[in-house]
N, C-alpha and C. Protein backbone atom coordinates (compact mmCIF):
# COMPACT_ATOMS: atom_id res chain seq x y z
N MET A 1 -155.04 -77.01 -131.65
CA MET A 1 -154.78 -75.75 -131.35
C MET A 1 -156.01 -74.63 -131.04
N ARG A 2 -156.36 -73.94 -130.33
CA ARG A 2 -157.27 -73.41 -129.58
C ARG A 2 -157.75 -72.20 -130.05
N ILE A 3 -158.85 -72.06 -130.52
CA ILE A 3 -159.02 -70.88 -131.75
C ILE A 3 -160.31 -69.88 -131.14
N PRO A 4 -160.27 -68.94 -130.77
CA PRO A 4 -161.44 -67.52 -130.08
C PRO A 4 -162.78 -67.89 -130.90
N HIS A 5 -163.51 -67.93 -130.33
CA HIS A 5 -164.83 -68.02 -131.11
C HIS A 5 -165.36 -66.76 -131.63
N ARG A 6 -164.68 -65.34 -131.23
CA ARG A 6 -164.95 -64.08 -131.79
C ARG A 6 -163.86 -63.56 -132.91
N LEU A 7 -164.48 -63.49 -133.96
CA LEU A 7 -163.12 -62.74 -134.91
C LEU A 7 -163.79 -61.34 -134.78
N SER A 8 -162.50 -60.43 -135.25
CA SER A 8 -162.50 -59.12 -135.25
C SER A 8 -163.90 -58.78 -136.51
N VAL A 9 -164.18 -56.95 -136.53
CA VAL A 9 -165.20 -56.83 -137.66
C VAL A 9 -164.31 -56.76 -138.61
N ALA A 10 -162.86 -56.30 -138.62
CA ALA A 10 -162.32 -56.54 -140.00
C ALA A 10 -162.16 -57.94 -140.91
N ALA A 11 -161.83 -59.16 -139.97
CA ALA A 11 -161.58 -60.25 -139.97
C ALA A 11 -163.06 -60.85 -140.29
N LEU A 12 -163.98 -60.52 -140.26
CA LEU A 12 -165.30 -61.32 -140.75
C LEU A 12 -165.27 -60.28 -142.11
N VAL A 13 -165.21 -59.41 -141.99
CA VAL A 13 -165.39 -58.41 -143.65
C VAL A 13 -164.46 -59.12 -144.47
N LEU A 14 -162.93 -60.00 -144.33
CA LEU A 14 -162.24 -60.01 -145.17
C LEU A 14 -162.42 -61.63 -145.31
N VAL A 15 -163.20 -62.45 -144.63
CA VAL A 15 -164.02 -63.47 -145.01
C VAL A 15 -164.77 -63.41 -146.00
N ALA A 16 -165.63 -62.53 -145.80
CA ALA A 16 -167.36 -62.71 -146.69
C ALA A 16 -166.73 -62.34 -147.69
N LEU A 17 -165.57 -61.38 -147.85
CA LEU A 17 -164.84 -60.91 -149.05
C LEU A 17 -164.14 -62.24 -149.76
N GLY A 18 -163.68 -63.22 -149.00
CA GLY A 18 -162.98 -64.38 -149.56
C GLY A 18 -163.63 -65.33 -149.63
N MET A 19 -165.03 -65.53 -149.19
CA MET A 19 -166.05 -66.33 -149.82
C MET A 19 -166.41 -66.24 -150.96
N THR A 20 -166.67 -64.49 -151.19
CA THR A 20 -167.59 -64.51 -152.54
C THR A 20 -166.61 -64.12 -153.98
N PHE A 21 -165.00 -63.88 -153.33
CA PHE A 21 -164.29 -63.38 -154.96
C PHE A 21 -163.23 -64.68 -154.82
N VAL A 22 -163.37 -65.26 -156.03
CA VAL A 22 -162.35 -66.54 -156.47
C VAL A 22 -161.54 -65.67 -157.23
N GLY A 23 -160.37 -66.28 -157.00
CA GLY A 23 -158.92 -65.52 -157.73
C GLY A 23 -159.05 -66.00 -159.24
N CYS A 24 -158.68 -65.74 -160.33
CA CYS A 24 -158.82 -66.48 -161.56
C CYS A 24 -157.26 -65.86 -161.77
N SER A 25 -157.06 -66.53 -162.68
CA SER A 25 -155.77 -66.56 -163.54
C SER A 25 -155.96 -65.32 -164.23
N GLU A 26 -154.91 -64.45 -164.50
CA GLU A 26 -154.42 -63.23 -165.01
C GLU A 26 -154.09 -63.10 -166.53
N GLU A 27 -153.47 -64.52 -166.49
CA GLU A 27 -153.46 -64.65 -168.21
C GLU A 27 -154.29 -65.54 -168.88
N GLU A 28 -155.47 -65.31 -168.24
CA GLU A 28 -156.23 -66.32 -168.84
C GLU A 28 -156.82 -65.90 -170.24
N ASP A 29 -156.93 -64.77 -171.06
CA ASP A 29 -156.97 -64.05 -172.40
C ASP A 29 -155.91 -65.11 -173.18
N ALA A 30 -154.79 -65.73 -172.68
CA ALA A 30 -153.59 -65.91 -173.53
C ALA A 30 -153.71 -67.78 -173.26
N THR A 31 -154.55 -68.23 -172.73
CA THR A 31 -154.19 -69.67 -172.38
C THR A 31 -155.44 -70.56 -172.49
N ARG A 32 -155.39 -71.77 -173.08
CA ARG A 32 -156.64 -72.53 -173.41
C ARG A 32 -157.40 -72.71 -171.87
N ILE A 33 -156.74 -72.74 -170.79
CA ILE A 33 -156.96 -73.04 -169.89
C ILE A 33 -157.19 -72.00 -168.74
N VAL A 34 -158.45 -71.85 -167.91
CA VAL A 34 -158.45 -70.88 -167.00
C VAL A 34 -158.59 -71.72 -165.58
N VAL A 35 -157.77 -71.00 -164.30
CA VAL A 35 -156.94 -72.01 -163.35
C VAL A 35 -157.68 -70.66 -162.07
N ASP A 36 -158.87 -70.90 -161.12
CA ASP A 36 -159.37 -70.67 -160.22
C ASP A 36 -158.59 -70.93 -159.03
N VAL A 37 -158.42 -70.03 -158.11
CA VAL A 37 -158.29 -70.36 -156.41
C VAL A 37 -159.69 -70.63 -155.66
N VAL A 38 -160.35 -71.60 -156.05
CA VAL A 38 -161.70 -71.90 -154.83
C VAL A 38 -161.76 -71.79 -153.47
N SER A 39 -160.31 -72.13 -152.85
CA SER A 39 -159.98 -71.81 -151.58
C SER A 39 -158.95 -71.84 -151.01
N LEU A 40 -158.59 -71.16 -150.61
CA LEU A 40 -157.47 -70.40 -149.62
C LEU A 40 -157.36 -70.65 -148.24
N ASN A 41 -156.66 -71.41 -147.31
CA ASN A 41 -157.58 -71.75 -145.73
C ASN A 41 -158.46 -71.75 -145.78
N SER A 42 -159.59 -72.41 -146.06
CA SER A 42 -160.94 -72.74 -146.32
C SER A 42 -161.75 -71.14 -146.39
N ASN A 43 -160.95 -70.40 -147.25
CA ASN A 43 -161.58 -68.87 -147.07
C ASN A 43 -161.85 -68.33 -145.67
N SER A 44 -161.07 -68.35 -144.60
CA SER A 44 -161.51 -67.96 -143.66
C SER A 44 -159.41 -67.42 -143.11
N PRO A 45 -159.63 -66.13 -141.88
CA PRO A 45 -158.17 -65.79 -141.72
C PRO A 45 -157.43 -67.03 -140.92
N LEU A 46 -156.02 -67.04 -140.97
CA LEU A 46 -155.34 -67.73 -140.94
C LEU A 46 -154.82 -66.90 -139.19
N PHE A 47 -155.18 -68.29 -138.27
CA PHE A 47 -154.93 -67.84 -136.67
C PHE A 47 -153.52 -68.54 -136.73
N SER A 48 -152.65 -67.78 -136.79
CA SER A 48 -150.92 -68.27 -136.73
C SER A 48 -150.50 -68.37 -135.33
N ASP A 49 -150.72 -69.93 -134.70
CA ASP A 49 -150.06 -69.92 -133.19
C ASP A 49 -148.53 -70.01 -132.92
N VAL A 50 -148.22 -69.08 -132.13
CA VAL A 50 -146.80 -69.14 -132.04
C VAL A 50 -146.08 -70.12 -131.06
N TYR A 51 -146.77 -70.72 -130.25
CA TYR A 51 -146.47 -72.00 -129.22
C TYR A 51 -147.21 -72.67 -128.91
N ASP A 52 -147.23 -74.06 -128.87
CA ASP A 52 -148.26 -75.24 -128.80
C ASP A 52 -147.31 -76.21 -128.13
N THR A 53 -147.88 -76.26 -126.26
CA THR A 53 -147.66 -77.29 -125.67
C THR A 53 -148.13 -78.76 -125.98
N ASN A 54 -148.79 -78.95 -127.13
CA ASN A 54 -148.69 -80.17 -127.37
C ASN A 54 -149.86 -81.22 -126.29
N ASN A 55 -150.83 -80.09 -125.66
CA ASN A 55 -151.64 -80.61 -124.69
C ASN A 55 -151.01 -81.30 -123.53
N THR A 56 -149.81 -80.70 -123.20
CA THR A 56 -149.25 -81.40 -122.14
C THR A 56 -148.52 -80.02 -121.31
N PRO A 57 -149.40 -79.13 -120.99
CA PRO A 57 -148.74 -77.78 -120.55
C PRO A 57 -147.89 -78.03 -119.24
N ASP A 58 -148.00 -79.18 -118.73
CA ASP A 58 -146.78 -79.34 -117.32
C ASP A 58 -145.51 -79.68 -118.05
N ASP A 59 -145.17 -80.12 -119.35
CA ASP A 59 -144.20 -81.10 -119.50
C ASP A 59 -143.88 -80.65 -120.78
N THR A 60 -142.63 -79.44 -120.58
CA THR A 60 -142.30 -78.83 -121.86
C THR A 60 -141.28 -79.51 -122.64
N ALA A 61 -140.69 -80.74 -122.41
CA ALA A 61 -140.11 -81.54 -123.24
C ALA A 61 -140.54 -81.31 -124.78
N ASP A 62 -142.46 -81.45 -124.87
CA ASP A 62 -142.73 -81.82 -126.41
C ASP A 62 -143.22 -80.51 -126.58
N ASP A 63 -142.94 -79.70 -126.14
CA ASP A 63 -143.68 -78.34 -126.92
C ASP A 63 -142.66 -77.92 -127.95
N PHE A 64 -143.65 -77.25 -128.91
CA PHE A 64 -142.92 -76.72 -130.15
C PHE A 64 -143.45 -75.31 -131.15
N ILE A 65 -142.72 -74.97 -131.60
CA ILE A 65 -143.24 -73.61 -132.61
C ILE A 65 -144.11 -74.09 -133.34
N PRO A 66 -145.05 -73.97 -133.77
CA PRO A 66 -145.94 -74.28 -135.23
C PRO A 66 -145.35 -73.20 -136.19
N VAL A 67 -145.40 -74.12 -137.61
CA VAL A 67 -145.56 -73.92 -138.97
C VAL A 67 -146.44 -73.79 -139.30
N ASP A 68 -146.68 -72.29 -139.96
CA ASP A 68 -147.89 -71.96 -141.03
C ASP A 68 -148.13 -72.78 -142.25
N LEU A 69 -149.01 -74.04 -142.42
CA LEU A 69 -148.91 -74.35 -144.05
C LEU A 69 -150.32 -74.42 -144.32
N VAL A 70 -150.94 -73.62 -145.15
CA VAL A 70 -151.64 -73.23 -145.83
C VAL A 70 -152.49 -74.24 -146.87
N GLN A 71 -153.44 -74.60 -146.77
CA GLN A 71 -153.74 -75.26 -147.84
C GLN A 71 -154.77 -74.76 -148.81
N VAL A 72 -154.33 -74.77 -150.45
CA VAL A 72 -155.00 -74.10 -151.46
C VAL A 72 -155.78 -75.25 -152.26
N THR A 73 -156.73 -74.73 -152.57
CA THR A 73 -157.66 -75.30 -153.66
C THR A 73 -157.88 -74.85 -155.27
N PHE A 74 -157.26 -75.63 -156.00
CA PHE A 74 -157.48 -75.21 -157.39
C PHE A 74 -158.04 -75.59 -158.47
N ARG A 75 -159.05 -75.11 -159.12
CA ARG A 75 -159.85 -75.40 -160.16
C ARG A 75 -159.54 -75.10 -161.67
N ALA A 76 -159.52 -75.92 -162.69
CA ALA A 76 -158.95 -76.12 -163.65
C ALA A 76 -160.61 -75.94 -164.81
N ARG A 77 -160.62 -75.06 -165.59
CA ARG A 77 -161.76 -74.99 -166.90
C ARG A 77 -161.29 -74.82 -168.18
N PRO A 78 -161.96 -75.15 -169.16
CA PRO A 78 -161.24 -74.43 -170.49
C PRO A 78 -162.05 -73.26 -170.56
N HIS A 79 -160.72 -72.45 -171.02
CA HIS A 79 -161.04 -70.83 -171.78
C HIS A 79 -162.12 -70.89 -172.11
N ASP A 80 -162.71 -71.65 -173.22
CA ASP A 80 -163.79 -71.71 -174.45
C ASP A 80 -163.95 -73.28 -174.18
N ALA A 81 -165.77 -73.22 -174.60
CA ALA A 81 -166.15 -74.44 -174.10
C ALA A 81 -166.01 -75.28 -175.48
N VAL A 82 -165.77 -74.42 -176.91
CA VAL A 82 -165.48 -75.32 -178.21
C VAL A 82 -164.16 -75.66 -178.65
N LEU A 83 -163.30 -75.56 -177.15
CA LEU A 83 -161.95 -76.64 -177.11
C LEU A 83 -162.14 -77.34 -176.51
N ASN A 84 -160.98 -78.68 -177.68
CA ASN A 84 -161.75 -79.73 -177.13
C ASN A 84 -159.91 -80.23 -176.21
N VAL A 85 -160.55 -79.71 -174.98
CA VAL A 85 -159.21 -79.87 -174.26
C VAL A 85 -159.22 -80.72 -173.25
N THR A 86 -158.91 -81.74 -172.86
CA THR A 86 -158.86 -83.34 -171.98
C THR A 86 -158.07 -82.98 -170.87
N PRO A 87 -158.41 -83.68 -169.65
CA PRO A 87 -157.76 -84.14 -168.78
C PRO A 87 -156.32 -84.54 -168.78
N GLY A 88 -155.46 -84.09 -168.98
CA GLY A 88 -154.25 -85.07 -169.26
C GLY A 88 -153.65 -84.76 -170.49
N GLY A 89 -154.59 -84.50 -171.80
CA GLY A 89 -154.02 -84.29 -172.63
C GLY A 89 -153.41 -83.23 -173.29
N PRO A 90 -152.95 -82.90 -174.56
CA PRO A 90 -152.76 -81.18 -174.75
C PRO A 90 -153.19 -80.12 -174.37
N PHE A 91 -152.50 -79.26 -173.64
CA PHE A 91 -153.45 -78.22 -173.31
C PHE A 91 -153.73 -78.39 -172.36
N GLY A 92 -154.37 -79.50 -171.27
CA GLY A 92 -155.10 -79.75 -170.83
C GLY A 92 -154.93 -79.85 -168.95
N THR A 93 -153.57 -79.24 -168.86
CA THR A 93 -152.76 -79.39 -167.58
C THR A 93 -152.03 -78.26 -167.31
N VAL A 94 -151.94 -77.65 -165.90
CA VAL A 94 -151.46 -76.60 -165.58
C VAL A 94 -150.29 -77.02 -164.61
N ARG A 95 -149.16 -76.53 -164.34
CA ARG A 95 -148.59 -76.52 -163.17
C ARG A 95 -147.99 -75.53 -162.40
N PHE A 96 -148.08 -75.25 -161.27
CA PHE A 96 -147.75 -74.64 -160.60
C PHE A 96 -146.57 -74.92 -159.87
N THR A 97 -145.30 -73.89 -159.97
CA THR A 97 -144.11 -74.45 -159.64
C THR A 97 -143.48 -73.08 -158.64
N LYS A 98 -144.15 -72.28 -158.30
CA LYS A 98 -143.85 -70.83 -157.09
C LYS A 98 -144.56 -70.25 -156.52
N TYR A 99 -144.73 -69.95 -155.72
CA TYR A 99 -145.55 -68.19 -154.99
C TYR A 99 -144.81 -67.76 -154.40
N SER A 100 -145.41 -66.29 -154.13
CA SER A 100 -144.48 -65.62 -153.74
C SER A 100 -145.28 -64.88 -152.42
N VAL A 101 -145.20 -64.66 -151.07
CA VAL A 101 -146.14 -63.83 -150.21
C VAL A 101 -145.55 -62.19 -149.97
N GLU A 102 -146.77 -61.40 -150.19
CA GLU A 102 -146.09 -60.11 -149.75
C GLU A 102 -147.12 -59.80 -148.59
N PHE A 103 -146.12 -59.31 -147.25
CA PHE A 103 -147.02 -59.01 -146.36
C PHE A 103 -147.25 -57.41 -146.45
N ARG A 104 -148.34 -57.26 -145.98
CA ARG A 104 -148.93 -55.63 -145.98
C ARG A 104 -148.76 -54.89 -144.27
N ASP A 105 -148.43 -53.68 -144.89
CA ASP A 105 -148.54 -52.99 -143.64
C ASP A 105 -149.55 -51.79 -144.02
N GLY A 106 -149.36 -51.51 -145.29
CA GLY A 106 -149.67 -50.22 -145.66
C GLY A 106 -148.28 -49.24 -145.60
N ILE A 107 -147.50 -49.48 -145.08
CA ILE A 107 -146.41 -48.53 -144.70
C ILE A 107 -145.08 -49.29 -145.74
N ASN A 108 -144.42 -50.55 -145.38
CA ASN A 108 -142.98 -50.89 -146.07
C ASN A 108 -143.49 -51.82 -146.98
N SER A 109 -142.64 -51.69 -148.20
CA SER A 109 -142.97 -53.10 -149.09
C SER A 109 -142.01 -53.86 -149.44
N THR A 110 -141.16 -54.22 -148.35
CA THR A 110 -140.26 -55.27 -147.79
C THR A 110 -141.16 -56.33 -147.23
N GLY A 111 -142.61 -55.97 -146.50
CA GLY A 111 -142.49 -56.87 -145.75
C GLY A 111 -143.90 -56.23 -144.57
N ALA A 112 -144.09 -56.42 -143.34
CA ALA A 112 -144.99 -56.34 -142.37
C ALA A 112 -144.54 -55.69 -141.17
N ASP A 113 -144.68 -54.42 -140.64
CA ASP A 113 -144.01 -54.10 -139.45
C ASP A 113 -145.12 -54.28 -138.18
N LEU A 114 -144.80 -55.63 -137.63
CA LEU A 114 -146.21 -55.77 -136.68
C LEU A 114 -146.32 -55.01 -135.61
N ASN A 115 -145.11 -54.53 -134.62
CA ASN A 115 -145.34 -53.57 -133.84
C ASN A 115 -145.17 -52.21 -133.89
N GLY A 116 -144.85 -51.79 -134.53
CA GLY A 116 -144.67 -50.28 -135.07
C GLY A 116 -143.35 -49.44 -134.75
N ASP A 117 -142.46 -50.66 -134.56
CA ASP A 117 -141.02 -49.98 -134.30
C ASP A 117 -140.04 -49.23 -135.79
N GLY A 118 -140.61 -49.45 -136.54
CA GLY A 118 -140.25 -49.64 -137.96
C GLY A 118 -139.31 -50.38 -138.55
N ALA A 119 -139.21 -51.66 -138.26
CA ALA A 119 -138.43 -52.71 -138.37
C ALA A 119 -139.27 -53.76 -138.74
N VAL A 120 -138.93 -54.35 -140.22
CA VAL A 120 -139.69 -55.35 -140.74
C VAL A 120 -139.92 -56.59 -140.02
N ASP A 121 -140.96 -57.20 -139.74
CA ASP A 121 -140.77 -58.10 -138.74
C ASP A 121 -141.46 -59.57 -139.68
N LEU A 122 -142.21 -59.29 -140.92
CA LEU A 122 -142.46 -60.71 -141.43
C LEU A 122 -142.18 -60.21 -143.10
N GLU A 123 -141.39 -60.68 -143.87
CA GLU A 123 -140.58 -60.15 -144.71
C GLU A 123 -140.87 -60.87 -145.88
N ASN A 124 -141.46 -60.09 -147.03
CA ASN A 124 -142.00 -60.74 -148.39
C ASN A 124 -140.66 -62.15 -148.79
N PHE A 125 -141.43 -62.93 -149.45
CA PHE A 125 -140.66 -64.10 -149.64
C PHE A 125 -141.43 -64.88 -150.93
N GLU A 126 -140.51 -65.47 -151.53
CA GLU A 126 -140.68 -66.43 -152.74
C GLU A 126 -140.42 -68.13 -152.33
N ALA A 127 -140.81 -68.95 -152.78
CA ALA A 127 -140.53 -70.28 -152.42
C ALA A 127 -141.28 -71.52 -153.64
N PRO A 128 -140.51 -72.73 -153.80
CA PRO A 128 -141.11 -73.50 -154.67
C PRO A 128 -142.33 -74.01 -154.25
N MET A 129 -142.99 -74.61 -154.75
CA MET A 129 -144.16 -75.79 -154.61
C MET A 129 -144.45 -76.42 -156.23
N SER A 130 -144.78 -77.42 -156.28
CA SER A 130 -145.52 -78.69 -157.17
C SER A 130 -146.78 -79.19 -157.01
N THR A 131 -147.61 -78.20 -158.03
CA THR A 131 -149.31 -78.72 -158.12
C THR A 131 -149.73 -78.95 -159.28
N VAL A 132 -150.27 -79.90 -159.75
CA VAL A 132 -150.41 -79.90 -161.07
C VAL A 132 -152.14 -80.39 -161.17
N VAL A 133 -152.65 -79.56 -161.49
CA VAL A 133 -154.31 -79.07 -162.02
C VAL A 133 -154.63 -79.55 -163.52
N ASP A 134 -155.45 -80.47 -163.31
CA ASP A 134 -156.11 -81.08 -164.65
C ASP A 134 -157.40 -80.55 -165.13
N THR A 135 -157.61 -80.02 -165.96
CA THR A 135 -158.69 -79.55 -166.83
C THR A 135 -160.25 -80.13 -166.04
N PHE A 136 -160.94 -79.34 -165.51
CA PHE A 136 -162.40 -79.88 -164.99
C PHE A 136 -161.97 -80.75 -163.68
N ASN A 137 -160.88 -80.44 -163.19
CA ASN A 137 -160.65 -81.32 -161.46
C ASN A 137 -159.99 -80.13 -160.86
N ASP A 138 -160.09 -80.73 -159.73
CA ASP A 138 -160.03 -79.63 -158.46
C ASP A 138 -158.59 -80.22 -158.31
N ALA A 139 -157.27 -79.68 -157.74
CA ALA A 139 -156.38 -80.09 -157.67
C ALA A 139 -155.75 -79.34 -155.72
N VAL A 140 -155.10 -79.81 -154.90
CA VAL A 140 -154.66 -79.87 -153.29
C VAL A 140 -153.30 -79.54 -153.09
N GLY A 141 -153.13 -78.26 -153.01
CA GLY A 141 -151.77 -78.06 -152.56
C GLY A 141 -151.70 -77.23 -151.52
N TYR A 142 -150.38 -77.19 -150.62
CA TYR A 142 -149.97 -76.86 -149.72
C TYR A 142 -148.76 -75.68 -149.72
N ILE A 143 -149.01 -74.55 -148.91
CA ILE A 143 -147.82 -73.91 -149.07
C ILE A 143 -147.59 -73.21 -147.52
N MET A 144 -146.02 -73.14 -147.39
CA MET A 144 -145.77 -72.06 -145.86
C MET A 144 -145.70 -70.96 -145.97
N LEU A 145 -146.51 -70.45 -144.62
CA LEU A 145 -146.79 -69.17 -145.37
C LEU A 145 -146.07 -68.16 -143.72
N ILE A 146 -145.71 -68.64 -142.38
CA ILE A 146 -145.22 -68.25 -141.53
C ILE A 146 -144.45 -69.34 -140.88
N GLY A 147 -142.97 -69.73 -141.19
CA GLY A 147 -142.10 -70.86 -140.38
C GLY A 147 -141.70 -70.76 -139.14
N GLY A 148 -141.24 -71.49 -138.21
CA GLY A 148 -140.84 -71.41 -136.80
C GLY A 148 -139.77 -70.86 -136.99
N GLY A 149 -139.10 -70.41 -137.44
CA GLY A 149 -137.66 -69.34 -137.31
C GLY A 149 -138.11 -67.98 -136.86
N VAL A 150 -139.10 -67.46 -137.84
CA VAL A 150 -139.68 -66.33 -137.87
C VAL A 150 -140.30 -65.91 -136.11
N LYS A 151 -140.89 -67.18 -135.76
CA LYS A 151 -141.88 -67.18 -134.64
C LYS A 151 -141.14 -66.86 -133.69
N SER A 152 -139.76 -67.60 -133.57
CA SER A 152 -138.75 -68.09 -132.46
C SER A 152 -137.98 -66.43 -131.81
N GLU A 153 -138.42 -65.36 -133.20
CA GLU A 153 -137.85 -64.03 -133.24
C GLU A 153 -138.83 -63.08 -132.27
N PHE A 154 -138.46 -61.68 -131.83
CA PHE A 154 -138.73 -60.94 -131.35
C PHE A 154 -139.07 -60.10 -132.69
N PRO A 155 -140.67 -59.60 -132.30
CA PRO A 155 -141.33 -59.24 -131.31
C PRO A 155 -142.41 -60.49 -131.20
N ILE A 156 -142.37 -60.87 -132.42
CA ILE A 156 -143.17 -62.43 -132.28
C ILE A 156 -143.44 -63.21 -131.23
N ASN A 157 -141.79 -63.44 -130.49
CA ASN A 157 -141.79 -64.53 -129.66
C ASN A 157 -142.57 -64.03 -128.30
N GLN A 158 -142.47 -62.43 -128.05
CA GLN A 158 -142.93 -61.96 -126.69
C GLN A 158 -144.64 -62.16 -126.84
N LEU A 159 -145.25 -62.86 -128.01
CA LEU A 159 -146.92 -63.13 -127.81
C LEU A 159 -146.80 -64.64 -127.08
N ILE A 160 -145.66 -65.20 -126.77
CA ILE A 160 -146.05 -66.00 -125.77
C ILE A 160 -147.06 -65.91 -124.55
N PHE A 161 -146.63 -64.90 -124.29
CA PHE A 161 -147.03 -64.02 -122.86
C PHE A 161 -148.33 -63.44 -123.19
N SER A 162 -148.81 -62.99 -124.12
CA SER A 162 -149.90 -62.14 -124.10
C SER A 162 -149.73 -61.42 -125.09
N GLY A 163 -150.97 -60.64 -125.73
CA GLY A 163 -150.60 -59.61 -126.68
C GLY A 163 -151.32 -60.31 -128.14
N GLU A 164 -151.55 -59.77 -129.43
CA GLU A 164 -152.04 -60.07 -131.01
C GLU A 164 -151.79 -59.19 -132.06
N TYR A 165 -150.78 -59.77 -133.03
CA TYR A 165 -150.58 -58.84 -133.76
C TYR A 165 -151.64 -59.55 -135.31
N THR A 166 -151.62 -58.63 -136.05
CA THR A 166 -152.50 -59.11 -137.45
C THR A 166 -151.57 -58.53 -138.48
N ALA A 167 -151.90 -59.29 -140.02
CA ALA A 167 -151.14 -58.39 -140.76
C ALA A 167 -152.06 -59.17 -141.90
N ASP A 168 -151.64 -58.68 -143.25
CA ASP A 168 -152.24 -59.31 -144.42
C ASP A 168 -151.51 -59.39 -145.64
N ALA A 169 -151.58 -60.54 -145.81
CA ALA A 169 -150.58 -61.35 -147.34
C ALA A 169 -151.43 -61.29 -148.61
N GLN A 170 -150.59 -60.88 -149.49
CA GLN A 170 -151.14 -61.70 -150.92
C GLN A 170 -150.08 -62.11 -151.64
N ILE A 171 -150.78 -63.27 -151.84
CA ILE A 171 -150.28 -64.71 -152.15
C ILE A 171 -150.35 -64.46 -153.89
N THR A 172 -149.32 -64.91 -154.56
CA THR A 172 -149.28 -65.03 -156.01
C THR A 172 -148.60 -66.72 -156.08
N PHE A 173 -149.44 -67.32 -156.82
CA PHE A 173 -149.20 -68.57 -157.56
C PHE A 173 -148.54 -68.27 -159.31
N PHE A 174 -147.56 -69.07 -159.19
CA PHE A 174 -147.13 -69.02 -160.56
C PHE A 174 -147.33 -70.20 -161.31
N GLY A 175 -147.36 -70.51 -162.50
CA GLY A 175 -147.76 -71.67 -163.38
C GLY A 175 -147.48 -71.84 -164.61
N GLU A 176 -147.45 -72.52 -165.27
CA GLU A 176 -147.62 -72.46 -166.80
C GLU A 176 -148.48 -73.65 -167.14
N GLU A 177 -149.13 -73.33 -168.55
CA GLU A 177 -149.68 -74.32 -169.31
C GLU A 177 -148.88 -75.37 -169.82
N GLU A 178 -148.74 -76.40 -169.18
CA GLU A 178 -147.98 -77.61 -170.08
C GLU A 178 -148.58 -77.76 -171.70
N THR A 179 -147.30 -77.80 -172.19
CA THR A 179 -147.82 -77.90 -173.77
C THR A 179 -147.32 -76.72 -174.51
N SER A 180 -148.51 -75.74 -173.97
CA SER A 180 -147.63 -74.31 -174.88
C SER A 180 -146.55 -73.50 -174.17
N GLY A 181 -146.80 -73.99 -172.64
CA GLY A 181 -145.78 -73.23 -171.53
C GLY A 181 -146.38 -71.61 -171.65
N ASP A 182 -147.38 -71.68 -171.79
CA ASP A 182 -147.88 -70.03 -171.36
C ASP A 182 -148.04 -69.65 -169.95
N LYS A 183 -147.89 -69.03 -169.79
CA LYS A 183 -147.52 -68.32 -167.87
C LYS A 183 -149.10 -68.25 -167.34
N ILE A 184 -149.07 -68.62 -166.09
CA ILE A 184 -150.19 -68.17 -165.64
C ILE A 184 -149.87 -67.61 -164.13
N GLU A 185 -150.49 -66.68 -163.82
CA GLU A 185 -150.25 -65.89 -162.27
C GLU A 185 -151.72 -66.06 -161.82
N ILE A 186 -152.15 -66.49 -160.39
CA ILE A 186 -153.38 -66.04 -159.94
C ILE A 186 -152.63 -65.38 -158.49
N SER A 187 -153.34 -64.45 -157.88
CA SER A 187 -153.61 -63.89 -156.57
C SER A 187 -154.45 -63.93 -156.32
N ARG A 188 -154.24 -64.07 -154.73
CA ARG A 188 -155.17 -64.03 -153.53
C ARG A 188 -154.79 -63.66 -152.17
N GLY A 189 -155.56 -62.84 -151.34
CA GLY A 189 -155.44 -62.40 -150.21
C GLY A 189 -155.63 -63.06 -149.07
N LEU A 190 -155.05 -62.98 -147.91
CA LEU A 190 -155.49 -63.42 -146.62
C LEU A 190 -154.94 -62.81 -145.34
N HIS A 191 -156.04 -62.40 -144.56
CA HIS A 191 -155.77 -61.80 -143.08
C HIS A 191 -155.13 -63.11 -141.98
N ILE A 192 -153.97 -62.17 -141.57
CA ILE A 192 -153.59 -63.27 -140.29
C ILE A 192 -153.75 -62.26 -139.14
N ARG A 193 -153.91 -63.62 -138.20
CA ARG A 193 -153.87 -63.44 -136.97
C ARG A 193 -152.68 -64.40 -136.13
N VAL A 194 -151.73 -62.96 -135.41
CA VAL A 194 -150.45 -63.40 -134.79
C VAL A 194 -150.68 -63.88 -133.34
N ALA A 195 -150.98 -64.89 -132.75
CA ALA A 195 -150.96 -64.87 -130.92
C ALA A 195 -150.92 -66.27 -130.27
N ASN A 196 -150.75 -66.37 -129.04
CA ASN A 196 -150.73 -67.53 -128.63
C ASN A 196 -151.79 -67.80 -128.22
N PHE A 197 -152.58 -68.98 -129.03
CA PHE A 197 -154.27 -69.11 -129.00
C PHE A 197 -154.35 -70.39 -128.11
N GLY A 198 -153.21 -71.11 -128.09
CA GLY A 198 -153.28 -71.93 -126.69
C GLY A 198 -153.34 -73.13 -127.84
N ASP A 199 -154.08 -74.40 -126.59
CA ASP A 199 -154.33 -75.88 -127.32
C ASP A 199 -155.21 -76.30 -126.55
N GLY A 200 -155.71 -77.31 -127.63
CA GLY A 200 -156.66 -78.17 -127.11
C GLY A 200 -157.64 -78.55 -127.70
N GLY A 201 -157.54 -77.64 -129.01
CA GLY A 201 -158.58 -78.09 -129.75
C GLY A 201 -160.02 -77.68 -129.95
N GLU A 202 -160.01 -76.32 -128.69
CA GLU A 202 -161.21 -75.43 -128.81
C GLU A 202 -161.36 -75.00 -129.84
């Protein structure tokens, strides 16, 4: 996927914030483990490509609409250093089973209106996931953010020809501390740029 070398000022600010802010579990006072999101999409904005020619622009037979899979890295640590919590032992593991995505445009509560026509183009949703995080360890998971079906519909499908939309997403991960069953929630923000960025890996 060809990615532009220049980011907007807003995107750069969000990158800086993402690099300095680590999302922490909101229920850490009630659990023996604290889980941090140390990386979401490599702490960079998501470049959501709407069309891929598979590096063969003269042959449309192998063209496809990319699905945006975003990598997330969790890190777990004991809430208190005096706790005898070990990886895989009692209270030493957190399992994330679900995530939610809220697309924000500052107006709509159900998603983001990308082109300003009053209709929500990116709808909020929840989806299952399965990522296990052991104490003192990192765990990598993947979540789907924007599917191919959404990109094939108006107005996103018009970006094949030109233009770009931007949106912000609030992603919340839901898990529980195994053994105790205590709930853990972590939220992180992600800036999204949607366009036909081209192919070739530039």
